[in-house]
Amino acid sequence: MKMITLTSHNTNSLIYINIDTIGHIYDVVKKVQYKADEKYTKVGTTCHNNGGFEVAEDAKQILKLIEKAKRNI
């Protein structure tokens, strides 16, 4: 099992995700009136149907973490 550590967008707490269970990764830009746009990434896992985790890292950063975890067997 290979895990990566991500940061929760809402609480700044750490989220540990098994890379083998990641089902989708996509960047989100949420338009907020009278504020700067809110940016985060959704990471969904195949073992839960909750829509995914909102994390601070962008999709490129997450893909780099996955590649690094795959190399560290």
C-alpha atoms as a PDB file:
ATOM      1  CA  MET A   1       0.000   0.000   0.000  1.00  0.00           C
ATOM      2  CA  LYS A   2       1.441   3.383  -1.030  1.00  0.00           C
ATOM      3  CA  MET A   3       0.149   6.477   0.723  1.00  0.00           C
ATOM      4  CA  ILE A   4       0.427  10.199  -0.001  1.00  0.00           C
ATOM      5  CA  THR A   5      -0.230  13.031   2.432  1.00  0.00           C
ATOM      6  CA  LEU A   6      -2.411  15.958   1.358  1.00  0.00           C
ATOM      7  CA  THR A   7      -3.685  19.046   3.165  1.00  0.00           C
ATOM      8  CA  SER A   8      -7.396  19.623   3.755  1.00  0.00           C
ATOM      9  CA  HIS A   9      -8.542  22.810   2.024  1.00  0.00           C
ATOM     10  CA  ASN A  10     -10.996  23.648   4.814  1.00  0.00           C
ATOM     11  CA  THR A  11      -9.162  22.726   8.018  1.00  0.00           C
ATOM     12  CA  ASN A  12      -5.467  22.514   7.025  1.00  0.00           C
ATOM     13  CA  SER A  13      -5.389  19.055   8.632  1.00  0.00           C
ATOM     14  CA  LEU A  14      -3.532  16.198   6.986  1.00  0.00           C
ATOM     15  CA  ILE A  15      -5.291  13.610   4.815  1.00  0.00           C
ATOM     16  CA  TYR A  16      -3.622  10.266   4.058  1.00  0.00           C
ATOM     17  CA  ILE A  17      -4.765   8.617   0.832  1.00  0.00           C
ATOM     18  CA  ASN A  18      -3.817   5.242  -0.619  1.00  0.00           C
ATOM     19  CA  ILE A  19      -2.804   6.023  -4.218  1.00  0.00           C
ATOM     20  CA  ASP A  20      -4.350   2.765  -5.431  1.00  0.00           C
ATOM     21  CA  THR A  21      -7.824   3.977  -4.414  1.00  0.00           C
ATOM     22  CA  ILE A  22      -7.743   7.388  -6.152  1.00  0.00           C
ATOM     23  CA  GLY A  23     -10.554   7.530  -8.687  1.00  0.00           C
ATOM     24  CA  HIS A  24     -10.377  11.148  -9.806  1.00  0.00           C
ATOM     25  CA  ILE A  25      -8.357  14.358  -9.380  1.00  0.00           C
ATOM     26  CA  TYR A  26      -9.436  17.747 -10.687  1.00  0.00           C
ATOM     27  CA  ASP A  27      -8.802  21.400  -9.909  1.00  0.00           C
ATOM     28  CA  VAL A  28     -11.763  23.576  -8.877  1.00  0.00           C
ATOM     29  CA  VAL A  29     -12.167  27.353  -8.978  1.00  0.00           C
ATOM     30  CA  LYS A  30     -15.126  28.471  -6.905  1.00  0.00           C
ATOM     31  CA  LYS A  31     -16.422  31.952  -7.687  1.00  0.00           C
ATOM     32  CA  VAL A  32     -17.050  33.856  -4.467  1.00  0.00           C
ATOM     33  CA  GLN A  33     -18.813  37.193  -4.609  1.00  0.00           C
ATOM     34  CA  TYR A  34     -16.832  40.122  -3.165  1.00  0.00           C
ATOM     35  CA  LYS A  35     -13.788  37.919  -2.476  1.00  0.00           C
ATOM     36  CA  ALA A  36     -10.925  36.398  -4.394  1.00  0.00           C
ATOM     37  CA  ASP A  37     -11.799  33.169  -6.208  1.00  0.00           C
ATOM     38  CA  GLU A  38     -11.420  30.120  -3.994  1.00  0.00           C
ATOM     39  CA  LYS A  39      -9.164  27.426  -5.487  1.00  0.00           C
ATOM     40  CA  TYR A  40      -8.810  23.829  -4.375  1.00  0.00           C
ATOM     41  CA  THR A  41      -8.544  20.326  -5.813  1.00  0.00           C
ATOM     42  CA  LYS A  42     -11.013  17.451  -5.486  1.00  0.00           C
ATOM     43  CA  VAL A  43      -9.515  14.003  -4.914  1.00  0.00           C
ATOM     44  CA  GLY A  44     -12.031  11.185  -4.988  1.00  0.00           C
ATOM     45  CA  THR A  45     -11.409   7.639  -3.870  1.00  0.00           C
ATOM     46  CA  THR A  46     -12.990   4.468  -5.185  1.00  0.00           C
ATOM     47  CA  CYS A  47     -13.851   3.201  -1.699  1.00  0.00           C
ATOM     48  CA  HIS A  48     -16.171   6.097  -0.687  1.00  0.00           C
ATOM     49  CA  ASN A  49     -19.003   7.829  -2.503  1.00  0.00           C
ATOM     50  CA  ASN A  50     -18.644  11.218  -0.824  1.00  0.00           C
ATOM     51  CA  GLY A  51     -17.661  13.308  -3.860  1.00  0.00           C
ATOM     52  CA  GLY A  52     -14.047  13.485  -2.786  1.00  0.00           C
ATOM     53  CA  PHE A  53     -11.751  15.413  -0.515  1.00  0.00           C
ATOM     54  CA  GLU A  54     -11.104  19.131  -1.022  1.00  0.00           C
ATOM     55  CA  VAL A  55      -7.346  19.605  -0.753  1.00  0.00           C
ATOM     56  CA  ALA A  56      -4.940  22.550  -0.984  1.00  0.00           C
ATOM     57  CA  GLU A  57      -2.478  20.894  -3.397  1.00  0.00           C
ATOM     58  CA  ASP A  58      -3.182  21.267  -7.111  1.00  0.00           C
ATOM     59  CA  ALA A  59      -3.524  18.344  -9.516  1.00  0.00           C
ATOM     60  CA  LYS A  60       0.076  18.663 -10.790  1.00  0.00           C
ATOM     61  CA  GLN A  61       1.460  18.519  -7.238  1.00  0.00           C
ATOM     62  CA  ILE A  62      -0.672  15.468  -6.449  1.00  0.00           C
ATOM     63  CA  LEU A  63       0.451  13.646  -9.587  1.00  0.00           C
ATOM     64  CA  LYS A  64       4.088  14.324  -8.614  1.00  0.00           C
ATOM     65  CA  LEU A  65       3.419  12.888  -5.137  1.00  0.00           C
ATOM     66  CA  ILE A  66       1.841   9.790  -6.706  1.00  0.00           C
ATOM     67  CA  GLU A  67       4.838   9.271  -9.009  1.00  0.00           C
ATOM     68  CA  LYS A  68       7.226   9.703  -6.076  1.00  0.00           C
ATOM     69  CA  ALA A  69       5.251   7.164  -4.009  1.00  0.00           C
ATOM     70  CA  LYS A  70       5.321   4.674  -6.894  1.00  0.00           C
ATOM     71  CA  ARG A  71       9.118   4.942  -7.140  1.00  0.00           C
ATOM     72  CA  ASN A  72       9.591   4.404  -3.374  1.00  0.00           C
ATOM     73  CA  ILE A  73       8.629   0.751  -3.219  1.00  0.00           C
END
